[in-house]
């Protein structure tokens, strides 16, 4: 069976590396992007099985990246986990409005992120 491909779009290199190590240790293949435009481009060309998306990104913010993917017939099936330090209720509500499948706030428990990834990939 092919390994599920996870695209991490985040501009915090240390965090991306830590999340990547955990995902790879659990059998996932990881792709990186460090800004919203690169993430959008990689989502369209690499067609990952799941996207972990930060909100506060250079070039294009995470909400807009999520909206552009979720409102496009070709990509709307890809689960998106918004992964951010923004924990206010209006932020979470906006995440739902742009089509995110899950919302995880930083700092986070790695096992919670891994469980959510596994859950969304089973759908």
PDB file of N, CA and C in Angstrom:
ATOM      1  N   UNK A   1       0.840  -1.189   0.000  1.00  0.00           N
ATOM      2  CA  UNK A   1       0.000   0.000   0.000  1.00  0.00           C
ATOM      3  C   UNK A   1       0.880   1.247   0.000  1.00  0.00           C
ATOM      4  N   UNK A   2       0.510   2.244  -0.764  1.00  0.00           N
ATOM      5  CA  UNK A   2       1.256   3.494  -0.799  1.00  0.00           C
ATOM      6  C   UNK A   2       1.104   4.234   0.516  1.00  0.00           C
ATOM      7  N   UNK A   3       2.156   4.944   0.881  1.00  0.00           N
ATOM      8  CA  UNK A   3       2.096   5.766   2.087  1.00  0.00           C
ATOM      9  C   UNK A   3       1.285   7.013   1.787  1.00  0.00           C
ATOM     10  N   UNK A   4       0.455   7.410   2.746  1.00  0.00           N
ATOM     11  CA  UNK A   4      -0.327   8.638   2.582  1.00  0.00           C
ATOM     12  C   UNK A   4       0.627   9.828   2.563  1.00  0.00           C
ATOM     13  N   UNK A   5       0.327  10.803   1.690  1.00  0.00           N
ATOM     14  CA  UNK A   5       1.176  11.988   1.532  1.00  0.00           C
ATOM     15  C   UNK A   5       0.533  13.173   2.249  1.00  0.00           C
ATOM     16  N   UNK A   6       1.306  13.783   3.146  1.00  0.00           N
ATOM     17  CA  UNK A   6       0.827  14.908   3.939  1.00  0.00           C
ATOM     18  C   UNK A   6       1.634  16.148   3.570  1.00  0.00           C
ATOM     19  N   UNK A   7       0.934  17.203   3.192  1.00  0.00           N
ATOM     20  CA  UNK A   7       1.566  18.487   2.892  1.00  0.00           C
ATOM     21  C   UNK A   7       1.476  19.369   4.127  1.00  0.00           C
ATOM     22  N   UNK A   8       2.641  19.809   4.641  1.00  0.00           N
ATOM     23  CA  UNK A   8       2.679  20.746   5.761  1.00  0.00           C
ATOM     24  C   UNK A   8       3.005  22.121   5.199  1.00  0.00           C
ATOM     25  N   UNK A   9       2.106  23.079   5.435  1.00  0.00           N
ATOM     26  CA  UNK A   9       2.326  24.456   4.993  1.00  0.00           C
ATOM     27  C   UNK A   9       2.483  25.304   6.251  1.00  0.00           C
ATOM     28  N   UNK A  10       3.726  25.660   6.562  1.00  0.00           N
ATOM     29  CA  UNK A  10       4.021  26.406   7.788  1.00  0.00           C
ATOM     30  C   UNK A  10       5.356  27.108   7.603  1.00  0.00           C
ATOM     31  N   UNK A  11       5.474  28.314   8.117  1.00  0.00           N
ATOM     32  CA  UNK A  11       6.735  29.053   7.972  1.00  0.00           C
ATOM     33  C   UNK A  11       7.660  28.892   9.180  1.00  0.00           C
ATOM     34  N   UNK A  12       7.277  28.064  10.150  1.00  0.00           N
ATOM     35  CA  UNK A  12       8.133  27.786  11.305  1.00  0.00           C
ATOM     36  C   UNK A  12       8.897  26.489  11.040  1.00  0.00           C
ATOM     37  N   UNK A  13      10.158  26.619  10.603  1.00  0.00           N
ATOM     38  CA  UNK A  13      10.956  25.469  10.183  1.00  0.00           C
ATOM     39  C   UNK A  13      11.113  24.416  11.273  1.00  0.00           C
ATOM     40  N   UNK A  14      11.413  24.850  12.501  1.00  0.00           N
ATOM     41  CA  UNK A  14      11.607  23.881  13.585  1.00  0.00           C
ATOM     42  C   UNK A  14      10.343  23.065  13.837  1.00  0.00           C
ATOM     43  N   UNK A  15       9.207  23.740  13.824  1.00  0.00           N
ATOM     44  CA  UNK A  15       7.934  23.060  14.042  1.00  0.00           C
ATOM     45  C   UNK A  15       7.642  22.084  12.899  1.00  0.00           C
ATOM     46  N   UNK A  16       7.892  22.525  11.667  1.00  0.00           N
ATOM     47  CA  UNK A  16       7.667  21.647  10.507  1.00  0.00           C
ATOM     48  C   UNK A  16       8.509  20.388  10.626  1.00  0.00           C
ATOM     49  N   UNK A  17       9.771  20.547  11.027  1.00  0.00           N
ATOM     50  CA  UNK A  17      10.656  19.387  11.147  1.00  0.00           C
ATOM     51  C   UNK A  17      10.162  18.429  12.233  1.00  0.00           C
ATOM     52  N   UNK A  18       9.723  18.974  13.359  1.00  0.00           N
ATOM     53  CA  UNK A  18       9.242  18.133  14.455  1.00  0.00           C
ATOM     54  C   UNK A  18       7.977  17.367  14.041  1.00  0.00           C
ATOM     55  N   UNK A  19       7.040  18.064  13.418  1.00  0.00           N
ATOM     56  CA  UNK A  19       5.806  17.415  12.965  1.00  0.00           C
ATOM     57  C   UNK A  19       6.135  16.374  11.886  1.00  0.00           C
ATOM     58  N   UNK A  20       7.045  16.726  10.994  1.00  0.00           N
ATOM     59  CA  UNK A  20       7.444  15.815   9.929  1.00  0.00           C
ATOM     60  C   UNK A  20       8.031  14.519  10.485  1.00  0.00           C
ATOM     61  N   UNK A  21       8.910  14.641  11.477  1.00  0.00           N
ATOM     62  CA  UNK A  21       9.509  13.444  12.079  1.00  0.00           C
ATOM     63  C   UNK A  21       8.443  12.532  12.676  1.00  0.00           C
ATOM     64  N   UNK A  22       7.470  13.125  13.353  1.00  0.00           N
ATOM     65  CA  UNK A  22       6.393  12.328  13.952  1.00  0.00           C
ATOM     66  C   UNK A  22       5.553  11.648  12.865  1.00  0.00           C
ATOM     67  N   UNK A  23       5.234  12.396  11.807  1.00  0.00           N
ATOM     68  CA  UNK A  23       4.437  11.822  10.725  1.00  0.00           C
ATOM     69  C   UNK A  23       5.198  10.697  10.020  1.00  0.00           C
ATOM     70  N   UNK A  24       6.465  10.941   9.702  1.00  0.00           N
ATOM     71  CA  UNK A  24       7.261   9.922   9.010  1.00  0.00           C
ATOM     72  C   UNK A  24       7.423   8.672   9.866  1.00  0.00           C
ATOM     73  N   UNK A  25       7.584   8.852  11.190  1.00  0.00           N
ATOM     74  CA  UNK A  25       7.702   7.713  12.102  1.00  0.00           C
ATOM     75  C   UNK A  25       6.413   6.885  12.126  1.00  0.00           C
ATOM     76  N   UNK A  26       5.300   7.508  11.730  1.00  0.00           N
ATOM     77  CA  UNK A  26       4.010   6.815  11.675  1.00  0.00           C
ATOM     78  C   UNK A  26       3.634   6.395  10.263  1.00  0.00           C
ATOM     79  N   UNK A  27       4.611   6.418   9.356  1.00  0.00           N
ATOM     80  CA  UNK A  27       4.408   5.859   8.024  1.00  0.00           C
ATOM     81  C   UNK A  27       3.914   6.810   6.954  1.00  0.00           C
ATOM     82  N   UNK A  28       3.881   8.108   7.232  1.00  0.00           N
ATOM     83  CA  UNK A  28       3.415   9.067   6.234  1.00  0.00           C
ATOM     84  C   UNK A  28       4.591   9.643   5.442  1.00  0.00           C
ATOM     85  N   UNK A  29       4.317  10.003   4.210  1.00  0.00           N
ATOM     86  CA  UNK A  29       5.287  10.727   3.389  1.00  0.00           C
ATOM     87  C   UNK A  29       4.969  12.210   3.541  1.00  0.00           C
ATOM     88  N   UNK A  30       5.978  13.053   3.750  1.00  0.00           N
ATOM     89  CA  UNK A  30       5.748  14.459   4.042  1.00  0.00           C
ATOM     90  C   UNK A  30       6.309  15.358   2.951  1.00  0.00           C
ATOM     91  N   UNK A  31       5.529  16.368   2.593  1.00  0.00           N
ATOM     92  CA  UNK A  31       5.906  17.397   1.620  1.00  0.00           C
ATOM     93  C   UNK A  31       5.826  18.729   2.377  1.00  0.00           C
ATOM     94  N   UNK A  32       6.719  19.658   2.073  1.00  0.00           N
ATOM     95  CA  UNK A  32       6.750  20.941   2.777  1.00  0.00           C
ATOM     96  C   UNK A  32       6.470  22.123   1.864  1.00  0.00           C
ATOM     97  N   UNK A  33       5.918  23.167   2.458  1.00  0.00           N
ATOM     98  CA  UNK A  33       5.829  24.486   1.824  1.00  0.00           C
ATOM     99  C   UNK A  33       5.934  25.509   2.946  1.00  0.00           C
ATOM    100  N   UNK A  34       6.653  26.616   2.690  1.00  0.00           N
ATOM    101  CA  UNK A  34       6.895  27.577   3.766  1.00  0.00           C
ATOM    102  C   UNK A  34       6.132  28.884   3.623  1.00  0.00           C
ATOM    103  N   UNK A  35       5.288  28.991   2.602  1.00  0.00           N
ATOM    104  CA  UNK A  35       4.402  30.158   2.505  1.00  0.00           C
ATOM    105  C   UNK A  35       3.117  29.739   1.795  1.00  0.00           C
ATOM    106  N   UNK A  36       2.117  30.613   1.858  1.00  0.00           N
ATOM    107  CA  UNK A  36       0.813  30.270   1.310  1.00  0.00           C
ATOM    108  C   UNK A  36       0.807  30.000  -0.186  1.00  0.00           C
ATOM    109  N   UNK A  37       1.544  30.777  -0.957  1.00  0.00           N
ATOM    110  CA  UNK A  37       1.572  30.584  -2.411  1.00  0.00           C
ATOM    111  C   UNK A  37       2.224  29.254  -2.772  1.00  0.00           C
ATOM    112  N   UNK A  38       3.368  28.969  -2.140  1.00  0.00           N
ATOM    113  CA  UNK A  38       4.051  27.703  -2.397  1.00  0.00           C
ATOM    114  C   UNK A  38       3.155  26.530  -1.978  1.00  0.00           C
ATOM    115  N   UNK A  39       2.462  26.693  -0.856  1.00  0.00           N
ATOM    116  CA  UNK A  39       1.559  25.640  -0.388  1.00  0.00           C
ATOM    117  C   UNK A  39       0.424  25.379  -1.357  1.00  0.00           C
ATOM    118  N   UNK A  40      -0.164  26.446  -1.861  1.00  0.00           N
ATOM    119  CA  UNK A  40      -1.244  26.313  -2.831  1.00  0.00           C
ATOM    120  C   UNK A  40      -0.742  25.624  -4.098  1.00  0.00           C
ATOM    121  N   UNK A  41       0.429  26.043  -4.571  1.00  0.00           N
ATOM    122  CA  UNK A  41       1.014  25.430  -5.773  1.00  0.00           C
ATOM    123  C   UNK A  41       1.296  23.948  -5.556  1.00  0.00           C
ATOM    124  N   UNK A  42       1.876  23.605  -4.405  1.00  0.00           N
ATOM    125  CA  UNK A  42       2.198  22.196  -4.127  1.00  0.00           C
ATOM    126  C   UNK A  42       0.940  21.366  -3.930  1.00  0.00           C
ATOM    127  N   UNK A  43      -0.093  21.948  -3.327  1.00  0.00           N
ATOM    128  CA  UNK A  43      -1.355  21.217  -3.174  1.00  0.00           C
ATOM    129  C   UNK A  43      -1.910  20.855  -4.546  1.00  0.00           C
ATOM    130  N   UNK A  44      -1.786  21.762  -5.486  1.00  0.00           N
ATOM    131  CA  UNK A  44      -2.327  21.532  -6.829  1.00  0.00           C
ATOM    132  C   UNK A  44      -1.460  20.586  -7.655  1.00  0.00           C
ATOM    133  N   UNK A  45      -0.141  20.607  -7.470  1.00  0.00           N
ATOM    134  CA  UNK A  45       0.725  19.756  -8.289  1.00  0.00           C
ATOM    135  C   UNK A  45       0.997  18.398  -7.652  1.00  0.00           C
ATOM    136  N   UNK A  46       1.161  18.371  -6.330  1.00  0.00           N
ATOM    137  CA  UNK A  46       1.504  17.123  -5.632  1.00  0.00           C
ATOM    138  C   UNK A  46       0.272  16.304  -5.252  1.00  0.00           C
ATOM    139  N   UNK A  47      -0.894  16.951  -5.185  1.00  0.00           N
ATOM    140  CA  UNK A  47      -2.145  16.302  -4.799  1.00  0.00           C
ATOM    141  C   UNK A  47      -1.981  15.421  -3.555  1.00  0.00           C
ATOM    142  N   UNK A  48      -1.676  16.059  -2.410  1.00  0.00           N
ATOM    143  CA  UNK A  48      -1.483  15.290  -1.169  1.00  0.00           C
ATOM    144  C   UNK A  48      -2.795  14.664  -0.691  1.00  0.00           C
ATOM    145  N   UNK A  49      -2.676  13.704   0.210  1.00  0.00           N
ATOM    146  CA  UNK A  49      -3.855  13.053   0.786  1.00  0.00           C
ATOM    147  C   UNK A  49      -4.451  13.886   1.916  1.00  0.00           C
ATOM    148  N   UNK A  50      -3.626  14.784   2.511  1.00  0.00           N
ATOM    149  CA  UNK A  50      -4.063  15.621   3.620  1.00  0.00           C
ATOM    150  C   UNK A  50      -3.127  16.824   3.709  1.00  0.00           C
ATOM    151  N   UNK A  51      -3.667  17.952   4.188  1.00  0.00           N
ATOM    152  CA  UNK A  51      -2.875  19.173   4.334  1.00  0.00           C
ATOM    153  C   UNK A  51      -2.954  19.663   5.782  1.00  0.00           C
ATOM    154  N   UNK A  52      -1.787  19.974   6.352  1.00  0.00           N
ATOM    155  CA  UNK A  52      -1.702  20.628   7.658  1.00  0.00           C
ATOM    156  C   UNK A  52      -1.286  22.067   7.363  1.00  0.00           C
ATOM    157  N   UNK A  53      -2.160  23.022   7.696  1.00  0.00           N
ATOM    158  CA  UNK A  53      -2.025  24.392   7.211  1.00  0.00           C
ATOM    159  C   UNK A  53      -2.004  25.415   8.340  1.00  0.00           C
ATOM    160  N   UNK A  54      -0.921  26.172   8.417  1.00  0.00           N
ATOM    161  CA  UNK A  54      -0.830  27.283   9.362  1.00  0.00           C
ATOM    162  C   UNK A  54      -1.688  28.428   8.826  1.00  0.00           C
ATOM    163  N   UNK A  55      -2.125  29.317   9.697  1.00  0.00           N
ATOM    164  CA  UNK A  55      -2.927  30.468   9.254  1.00  0.00           C
ATOM    165  C   UNK A  55      -2.079  31.691   8.930  1.00  0.00           C
ATOM    166  N   UNK A  56      -1.104  31.974   9.792  1.00  0.00           N
ATOM    167  CA  UNK A  56      -0.299  33.178   9.611  1.00  0.00           C
ATOM    168  C   UNK A  56       0.917  32.847   8.758  1.00  0.00           C
ATOM    169  N   UNK A  57       0.758  33.059   7.456  1.00  0.00           N
ATOM    170  CA  UNK A  57       1.785  32.690   6.482  1.00  0.00           C
ATOM    171  C   UNK A  57       2.167  33.881   5.620  1.00  0.00           C
ATOM    172  N   UNK A  58       3.413  33.900   5.119  1.00  0.00           N
ATOM    173  CA  UNK A  58       3.772  34.909   4.117  1.00  0.00           C
ATOM    174  C   UNK A  58       3.013  34.668   2.809  1.00  0.00           C
ATOM    175  N   UNK A  59       2.864  35.689   2.024  1.00  0.00           N
ATOM    176  CA  UNK A  59       2.266  35.699   0.673  1.00  0.00           C
ATOM    177  C   UNK A  59       0.749  35.515   0.667  1.00  0.00           C
ATOM    178  N   UNK A  60       0.238  34.361   1.076  1.00  0.00           N
ATOM    179  CA  UNK A  60      -1.213  34.144   1.144  1.00  0.00           C
ATOM    180  C   UNK A  60      -1.523  33.531   2.507  1.00  0.00           C
ATOM    181  N   UNK A  61      -2.451  34.134   3.274  1.00  0.00           N
ATOM    182  CA  UNK A  61      -2.773  33.582   4.594  1.00  0.00           C
ATOM    183  C   UNK A  61      -3.487  32.237   4.466  1.00  0.00           C
ATOM    184  N   UNK A  62      -3.412  31.467   5.548  1.00  0.00           N
ATOM    185  CA  UNK A  62      -3.961  30.115   5.543  1.00  0.00           C
ATOM    186  C   UNK A  62      -5.452  30.021   5.259  1.00  0.00           C
ATOM    187  N   UNK A  63      -6.250  30.959   5.792  1.00  0.00           N
ATOM    188  CA  UNK A  63      -7.694  30.925   5.507  1.00  0.00           C
ATOM    189  C   UNK A  63      -7.953  30.984   4.007  1.00  0.00           C
ATOM    190  N   UNK A  64      -7.228  31.859   3.324  1.00  0.00           N
ATOM    191  CA  UNK A  64      -7.444  32.025   1.883  1.00  0.00           C
ATOM    192  C   UNK A  64      -6.986  30.779   1.119  1.00  0.00           C
ATOM    193  N   UNK A  65      -5.865  30.191   1.527  1.00  0.00           N
ATOM    194  CA  UNK A  65      -5.397  28.953   0.890  1.00  0.00           C
ATOM    195  C   UNK A  65      -6.462  27.866   1.051  1.00  0.00           C
ATOM    196  N   UNK A  66      -6.981  27.720   2.266  1.00  0.00           N
ATOM    197  CA  UNK A  66      -8.005  26.712   2.532  1.00  0.00           C
ATOM    198  C   UNK A  66      -9.239  26.961   1.670  1.00  0.00           C
ATOM    199  N   UNK A  67      -9.713  28.199   1.642  1.00  0.00           N
ATOM    200  CA  UNK A  67     -10.898  28.537   0.859  1.00  0.00           C
ATOM    201  C   UNK A  67     -10.682  28.226  -0.630  1.00  0.00           C
ATOM    202  N   UNK A  68      -9.513  28.592  -1.152  1.00  0.00           N
ATOM    203  CA  UNK A  68      -9.236  28.365  -2.580  1.00  0.00           C
ATOM    204  C   UNK A  68      -9.239  26.872  -2.915  1.00  0.00           C
ATOM    205  N   UNK A  69      -8.747  26.051  -2.005  1.00  0.00           N
ATOM    206  CA  UNK A  69      -8.740  24.603  -2.253  1.00  0.00           C
ATOM    207  C   UNK A  69     -10.120  23.990  -2.050  1.00  0.00           C
ATOM    208  N   UNK A  70     -10.795  24.377  -0.990  1.00  0.00           N
ATOM    209  CA  UNK A  70     -12.080  23.759  -0.650  1.00  0.00           C
ATOM    210  C   UNK A  70     -13.216  24.173  -1.585  1.00  0.00           C
ATOM    211  N   UNK A  71     -13.058  25.287  -2.272  1.00  0.00           N
ATOM    212  CA  UNK A  71     -14.104  25.721  -3.197  1.00  0.00           C
ATOM    213  C   UNK A  71     -13.734  25.393  -4.643  1.00  0.00           C
ATOM    214  N   UNK A  72     -12.755  24.501  -4.820  1.00  0.00           N
ATOM    215  CA  UNK A  72     -12.328  24.051  -6.142  1.00  0.00           C
ATOM    216  C   UNK A  72     -12.665  22.563  -6.246  1.00  0.00           C
ATOM    217  N   UNK A  73     -13.460  22.199  -7.241  1.00  0.00           N
ATOM    218  CA  UNK A  73     -13.915  20.807  -7.402  1.00  0.00           C
ATOM    219  C   UNK A  73     -12.763  19.798  -7.406  1.00  0.00           C
ATOM    220  N   UNK A  74     -11.607  20.177  -7.951  1.00  0.00           N
ATOM    221  CA  UNK A  74     -10.477  19.244  -8.064  1.00  0.00           C
ATOM    222  C   UNK A  74      -9.820  18.939  -6.722  1.00  0.00           C
ATOM    223  N   UNK A  75      -9.929  19.853  -5.771  1.00  0.00           N
ATOM    224  CA  UNK A  75      -9.159  19.717  -4.534  1.00  0.00           C
ATOM    225  C   UNK A  75      -9.995  19.685  -3.259  1.00  0.00           C
ATOM    226  N   UNK A  76     -11.298  19.884  -3.373  1.00  0.00           N
ATOM    227  CA  UNK A  76     -12.125  20.012  -2.166  1.00  0.00           C
ATOM    228  C   UNK A  76     -12.170  18.738  -1.327  1.00  0.00           C
ATOM    229  N   UNK A  77     -11.842  17.605  -1.909  1.00  0.00           N
ATOM    230  CA  UNK A  77     -11.862  16.331  -1.178  1.00  0.00           C
ATOM    231  C   UNK A  77     -10.650  16.163  -0.253  1.00  0.00           C
ATOM    232  N   UNK A  78      -9.610  16.987  -0.421  1.00  0.00           N
ATOM    233  CA  UNK A  78      -8.402  16.854   0.401  1.00  0.00           C
ATOM    234  C   UNK A  78      -8.693  17.416   1.803  1.00  0.00           C
ATOM    235  N   UNK A  79      -8.577  16.588   2.850  1.00  0.00           N
ATOM    236  CA  UNK A  79      -8.812  17.104   4.198  1.00  0.00           C
ATOM    237  C   UNK A  79      -7.765  18.157   4.574  1.00  0.00           C
ATOM    238  N   UNK A  80      -8.212  19.216   5.246  1.00  0.00           N
ATOM    239  CA  UNK A  80      -7.320  20.286   5.687  1.00  0.00           C
ATOM    240  C   UNK A  80      -7.450  20.441   7.200  1.00  0.00           C
ATOM    241  N   UNK A  81      -6.306  20.366   7.880  1.00  0.00           N
ATOM    242  CA  UNK A  81      -6.238  20.656   9.313  1.00  0.00           C
ATOM    243  C   UNK A  81      -5.615  22.034   9.455  1.00  0.00           C
ATOM    244  N   UNK A  82      -6.370  22.995   9.986  1.00  0.00           N
ATOM    245  CA  UNK A  82      -5.782  24.297  10.298  1.00  0.00           C
ATOM    246  C   UNK A  82      -4.992  24.120  11.589  1.00  0.00           C
ATOM    247  N   UNK A  83      -3.761  24.593  11.573  1.00  0.00           N
ATOM    248  CA  UNK A  83      -2.791  24.327  12.631  1.00  0.00           C
ATOM    249  C   UNK A  83      -2.176  25.658  13.019  1.00  0.00           C
ATOM    250  N   UNK A  84      -2.644  26.250  14.126  1.00  0.00           N
ATOM    251  CA  UNK A  84      -2.336  27.649  14.373  1.00  0.00           C
ATOM    252  C   UNK A  84      -2.302  28.015  15.855  1.00  0.00           C
ATOM    253  N   UNK A  85      -1.673  29.121  16.149  1.00  0.00           N
ATOM    254  CA  UNK A  85      -1.677  29.663  17.507  1.00  0.00           C
ATOM    255  C   UNK A  85      -2.939  30.482  17.762  1.00  0.00           C
ATOM    256  N   UNK A  86      -3.710  30.771  16.723  1.00  0.00           N
ATOM    257  CA  UNK A  86      -4.927  31.581  16.864  1.00  0.00           C
ATOM    258  C   UNK A  86      -6.053  30.701  17.402  1.00  0.00           C
ATOM    259  N   UNK A  87      -6.373  30.895  18.689  1.00  0.00           N
ATOM    260  CA  UNK A  87      -7.309  30.000  19.374  1.00  0.00           C
ATOM    261  C   UNK A  87      -8.634  30.659  19.739  1.00  0.00           C
ATOM    262  N   UNK A  88      -8.875  31.876  19.284  1.00  0.00           N
ATOM    263  CA  UNK A  88     -10.119  32.565  19.628  1.00  0.00           C
ATOM    264  C   UNK A  88     -11.293  31.952  18.867  1.00  0.00           C
ATOM    265  N   UNK A  89     -12.471  32.022  19.454  1.00  0.00           N
ATOM    266  CA  UNK A  89     -13.675  31.445  18.830  1.00  0.00           C
ATOM    267  C   UNK A  89     -13.929  31.984  17.413  1.00  0.00           C
ATOM    268  N   UNK A  90     -13.765  33.299  17.159  1.00  0.00           N
ATOM    269  CA  UNK A  90     -13.975  33.788  15.785  1.00  0.00           C
ATOM    270  C   UNK A  90     -13.004  33.154  14.776  1.00  0.00           C
ATOM    271  N   UNK A  91     -11.774  32.841  15.225  1.00  0.00           N
ATOM    272  CA  UNK A  91     -10.803  32.187  14.339  1.00  0.00           C
ATOM    273  C   UNK A  91     -11.269  30.779  13.976  1.00  0.00           C
ATOM    274  N   UNK A  92     -11.734  30.040  14.989  1.00  0.00           N
ATOM    275  CA  UNK A  92     -12.223  28.675  14.767  1.00  0.00           C
ATOM    276  C   UNK A  92     -13.453  28.701  13.852  1.00  0.00           C
ATOM    277  N   UNK A  93     -14.348  29.657  14.099  1.00  0.00           N
ATOM    278  CA  UNK A  93     -15.561  29.793  13.278  1.00  0.00           C
ATOM    279  C   UNK A  93     -15.204  30.078  11.824  1.00  0.00           C
ATOM    280  N   UNK A  94     -14.244  30.983  11.610  1.00  0.00           N
ATOM    281  CA  UNK A  94     -13.821  31.296  10.247  1.00  0.00           C
ATOM    282  C   UNK A  94     -13.187  30.073   9.586  1.00  0.00           C
ATOM    283  N   UNK A  95     -12.461  29.290  10.368  1.00  0.00           N
ATOM    284  CA  UNK A  95     -11.880  28.053   9.839  1.00  0.00           C
ATOM    285  C   UNK A  95     -12.946  27.119   9.298  1.00  0.00           C
ATOM    286  N   UNK A  96     -14.053  26.992  10.019  1.00  0.00           N
ATOM    287  CA  UNK A  96     -15.166  26.154   9.545  1.00  0.00           C
ATOM    288  C   UNK A  96     -15.781  26.741   8.272  1.00  0.00           C
ATOM    289  N   UNK A  97     -15.926  28.075   8.255  1.00  0.00           N
ATOM    290  CA  UNK A  97     -16.540  28.735   7.098  1.00  0.00           C
ATOM    291  C   UNK A  97     -15.736  28.556   5.819  1.00  0.00           C
ATOM    292  N   UNK A  98     -14.392  28.485   5.928  1.00  0.00           N
ATOM    293  CA  UNK A  98     -13.573  28.316   4.724  1.00  0.00           C
ATOM    294  C   UNK A  98     -13.403  26.845   4.351  1.00  0.00           C
ATOM    295  N   UNK A  99     -14.018  25.944   5.145  1.00  0.00           N
ATOM    296  CA  UNK A  99     -14.054  24.536   4.773  1.00  0.00           C
ATOM    297  C   UNK A  99     -13.061  23.618   5.457  1.00  0.00           C
ATOM    298  N   UNK A 100     -12.351  24.101   6.475  1.00  0.00           N
ATOM    299  CA  UNK A 100     -11.377  23.240   7.163  1.00  0.00           C
ATOM    300  C   UNK A 100     -12.068  22.039   7.789  1.00  0.00           C
ATOM    301  N   UNK A 101     -11.379  20.910   7.770  1.00  0.00           N
ATOM    302  CA  UNK A 101     -11.920  19.681   8.340  1.00  0.00           C
ATOM    303  C   UNK A 101     -11.615  19.561   9.834  1.00  0.00           C
ATOM    304  N   UNK A 102     -10.585  20.259  10.299  1.00  0.00           N
ATOM    305  CA  UNK A 102     -10.214  20.229  11.715  1.00  0.00           C
ATOM    306  C   UNK A 102      -9.435  21.500  12.040  1.00  0.00           C
ATOM    307  N   UNK A 103      -9.369  21.798  13.340  1.00  0.00           N
ATOM    308  CA  UNK A 103      -8.690  23.007  13.814  1.00  0.00           C
ATOM    309  C   UNK A 103      -7.904  22.618  15.053  1.00  0.00           C
ATOM    310  N   UNK A 104      -6.583  22.670  14.979  1.00  0.00           N
ATOM    311  CA  UNK A 104      -5.731  22.314  16.109  1.00  0.00           C
ATOM    312  C   UNK A 104      -4.878  23.526  16.462  1.00  0.00           C
ATOM    313  N   UNK A 105      -4.884  23.886  17.746  1.00  0.00           N
ATOM    314  CA  UNK A 105      -4.137  25.066  18.163  1.00  0.00           C
ATOM    315  C   UNK A 105      -2.759  24.688  18.707  1.00  0.00           C
ATOM    316  N   UNK A 106      -1.802  25.585  18.454  1.00  0.00           N
ATOM    317  CA  UNK A 106      -0.445  25.461  18.996  1.00  0.00           C
ATOM    318  C   UNK A 106      -0.406  26.252  20.295  1.00  0.00           C
ATOM    319  N   UNK A 107       0.354  25.822  21.285  1.00  0.00           N
ATOM    320  CA  UNK A 107       1.087  24.554  21.333  1.00  0.00           C
ATOM    321  C   UNK A 107       0.109  23.373  21.332  1.00  0.00           C
ATOM    322  N   UNK A 108       0.589  22.227  20.929  1.00  0.00           N
ATOM    323  CA  UNK A 108      -0.308  21.097  20.702  1.00  0.00           C
ATOM    324  C   UNK A 108       0.309  19.819  21.243  1.00  0.00           C
ATOM    325  N   UNK A 109      -0.535  18.817  21.399  1.00  0.00           N
ATOM    326  CA  UNK A 109      -0.076  17.482  21.776  1.00  0.00           C
ATOM    327  C   UNK A 109       0.136  16.705  20.479  1.00  0.00           C
ATOM    328  N   UNK A 110       1.363  16.226  20.218  1.00  0.00           N
ATOM    329  CA  UNK A 110       1.620  15.489  18.972  1.00  0.00           C
ATOM    330  C   UNK A 110       0.651  14.331  18.732  1.00  0.00           C
ATOM    331  N   UNK A 111       0.271  13.611  19.803  1.00  0.00           N
ATOM    332  CA  UNK A 111      -0.641  12.476  19.621  1.00  0.00           C
ATOM    333  C   UNK A 111      -2.021  12.920  19.141  1.00  0.00           C
ATOM    334  N   UNK A 112      -2.454  14.104  19.560  1.00  0.00           N
ATOM    335  CA  UNK A 112      -3.753  14.620  19.106  1.00  0.00           C
ATOM    336  C   UNK A 112      -3.687  14.910  17.603  1.00  0.00           C
ATOM    337  N   UNK A 113      -2.594  15.511  17.160  1.00  0.00           N
ATOM    338  CA  UNK A 113      -2.419  15.791  15.727  1.00  0.00           C
ATOM    339  C   UNK A 113      -2.372  14.482  14.935  1.00  0.00           C
ATOM    340  N   UNK A 114      -1.582  13.515  15.409  1.00  0.00           N
ATOM    341  CA  UNK A 114      -1.482  12.228  14.703  1.00  0.00           C
ATOM    342  C   UNK A 114      -2.823  11.503  14.647  1.00  0.00           C
ATOM    343  N   UNK A 115      -3.576  11.538  15.747  1.00  0.00           N
ATOM    344  CA  UNK A 115      -4.900  10.903  15.770  1.00  0.00           C
ATOM    345  C   UNK A 115      -5.837  11.559  14.757  1.00  0.00           C
ATOM    346  N   UNK A 116      -5.792  12.897  14.676  1.00  0.00           N
ATOM    347  CA  UNK A 116      -6.663  13.620  13.743  1.00  0.00           C
ATOM    348  C   UNK A 116      -6.277  13.308  12.301  1.00  0.00           C
ATOM    349  N   UNK A 117      -4.983  13.241  12.016  1.00  0.00           N
ATOM    350  CA  UNK A 117      -4.510  12.883  10.675  1.00  0.00           C
ATOM    351  C   UNK A 117      -5.043  11.507  10.305  1.00  0.00           C
ATOM    352  N   UNK A 118      -4.860  10.536  11.186  1.00  0.00           N
ATOM    353  CA  UNK A 118      -5.322   9.162  10.923  1.00  0.00           C
ATOM    354  C   UNK A 118      -6.828   9.117  10.723  1.00  0.00           C
ATOM    355  N   UNK A 119      -7.563   9.841  11.554  1.00  0.00           N
ATOM    356  CA  UNK A 119      -9.025   9.869  11.460  1.00  0.00           C
ATOM    357  C   UNK A 119      -9.479  10.446  10.120  1.00  0.00           C
ATOM    358  N   UNK A 120      -8.887  11.563   9.696  1.00  0.00           N
ATOM    359  CA  UNK A 120      -9.307  12.192   8.444  1.00  0.00           C
ATOM    360  C   UNK A 120      -8.905  11.372   7.216  1.00  0.00           C
ATOM    361  N   UNK A 121      -7.821  10.634   7.299  1.00  0.00           N
ATOM    362  CA  UNK A 121      -7.399   9.816   6.157  1.00  0.00           C
ATOM    363  C   UNK A 121      -8.234   8.555   6.014  1.00  0.00           C
ATOM    364  N   UNK A 122      -8.928   8.134   7.067  1.00  0.00           N
ATOM    365  CA  UNK A 122      -9.783   6.946   6.997  1.00  0.00           C
ATOM    366  C   UNK A 122     -11.097   7.210   6.310  1.00  0.00           C
ATOM    367  N   UNK A 123     -11.506   8.479   6.239  1.00  0.00           N
ATOM    368  CA  UNK A 123     -12.815   8.837   5.660  1.00  0.00           C
ATOM    369  C   UNK A 123     -12.897   8.426   4.213  1.00  0.00           C
TER     370      UNK A 123
END
